[in-house]
Every structure is written in structure tokens, then in C-alpha cells.
Amino acid sequence: MITTIQMELSKISKIKIGPSASVYMAENAFEYMKNPLLVADKIVLGNCSKVLIGDNVKDVIINVDQNPVIEHRGEILHVSSGLTVDYLMEYLLKNEIGGPQYLAGIPATIGGLIWMNGGAFGHHIWEDILYIRAIDLNGKIFFLNHDDVKFSYRFSDLKSFNVKFIVDAFLRIHKIPYFELAKEISEKIEYRKIHHPVDYPSLGSTFKNSSNMLAWKVIQEIGLVNYRVGDAKFSEKHPNFIVNLGNATFADVKTLVEFAMERSLEKLNVKISPEIIFVD
């Protein structure tokens, strides 16, 4: 069942920025296959951990499963796209399954990670994808295999297939001893707590790493650590994070991002591209 409510998007945004909007929510992503045209003219969001939401956003689908689908058979894991990474990690541990455990600690959904080819620690989700099911702009439901899709660091070309909504995914997995898996997951979560500014709302890494310099190093080299516009600031703990000190706005964050891009070119002749997605 799909329900509609009026919601302050700032309450679900990981950086706590966003307007009031009409929000569509479902038990899980499979509900949208019953009425695939519903997604055609809507903005589709997940856990809002990489999306900066502007004031003009009024009509959205929040694809975070209330009753997620997750199951495995042999070396294949089947998950609904609105499944959160936290839920995924619990399932992996319970069933002693390895593969996508490098995602541990990312506050995202599987659908969002697939869209942007998210990952961590030198790995990304399309390494493990066998195939996905999607809905296109015309409401057509279809499958895409791993080899159909071009992907690279923080990029997939799903737009070239007119993908509007990811329904589910099938991933490659393998068995792994519980204590080995638990140690790896715990270490990755602890790393984030130590190195990331988790005390403030943020969207994680703001920029993609360039080909010749890490993004946090770029921000440091151009002198923007602690630089602030309104209540948005480049963190001193991890310079590639923009944190919300309390009342940051879409405009504050966008101004910081654009200023850093201009200054990086001017001072270092290095082009940096946003990892976060602007929706307005």
C-alpha cells in the first residue's frame, strides 16, 4: 500500500535541510510495480544521505522500506531497493554472508547506492551487482544486467536507460565465518566514528576524489578548512564534509560547494566535482 503525507523533509535529510513536501511512502519498493507510472513525475529519494534538497521540492517518493525484502539462495542475495545498509548488515551477520560488508556504516539505501555506484574502502556496489529491476520514465518495468551498465567511481549510467526507479537488486555473495565478518563490520563502523564529524548533520563526502588529489586534501590546500557560510561549514575533522551547525540552508551549502570548486581551479588547477546531489 502506498500512502501520502505532508512532511518536513529536513526531518529525514541527513544534513537536516529541506522544505515541507507531499511524500509518497510504501511498505517496500515492490508496491510501485502495481502502478509504475506513479514514479514518472515524482522526485525519488532514498535515505537522503547524499541529496541536498532545495526549497522548490514539493512532490517526492521516499523509497525507504518499512517492510524490506531480503533473501538469499546459494551465492545470490536478493534485496528490495529501499533496504537500508544497517538492515543489510544485520542480515549478513545473522546468515554469515560476505560480499557487500564494505558498506557498513553508510547511512544509505541499496537503491541510492546503486544509482550513484556508492561504496567505501576501495570498493563500490556495482562490483557485486548481478542484475537489477527498474522502472523507466514511461512506466516500463525491465531488468538490467551487470554488463549492460557502465559504471566507475561514484557513477553509473542508469540515466542512459531512462531509469527512474530501482525496484530490487541481485548481488553476488559468499559464506564467511561470523567472527571474521563481525570484526570487519565493526572496524568499518568504528573508523567512521573516529574520522568523520558524526556529531553534526552532514551528507558525508562533499566532493569526489580527483584523479591526482584526494578531495579532503584539496579543501585543506585551498584554505577552506573551517570556512563557513551561514551555518554550513567545512569540517575541521574531515575537510571534505560540510556540516550543518544548526540552521544551514540549501543556499549556504551550495555557495560553499561552488566556492570550493572555483578556488580549487584557481589555486591548484584541480577540478573537483560534487559527490552530493542537488535537487531543487
Foldseek 3Di string as FASTA:
>chain_A
DKDWDWDAVLVQALQSAGGTAIEIEDQALVVCLVPLLVLQPAAEAESNLQEAEAHPHHGHYYHAHNNWDWDDDDFKIKTWQNDFPVNVLVVCLVQQKDDQLQCQQRGTTNNVQVAQQDGDDPHGQLVWFQKWWFAANVRDIDMDGSVRWDDDHRHIVVVVVRGRGTTMTMTGMDGHDNVVSVVSSVVSNVVCVQQPPVVFRWSPFFWCQFPPGGPQVLCVVLPQAQPFDDQWGQHVSGRRIIGGNDDDYSVRVVVVVVVSQVSSCVPPVTGIDTSGHYHD
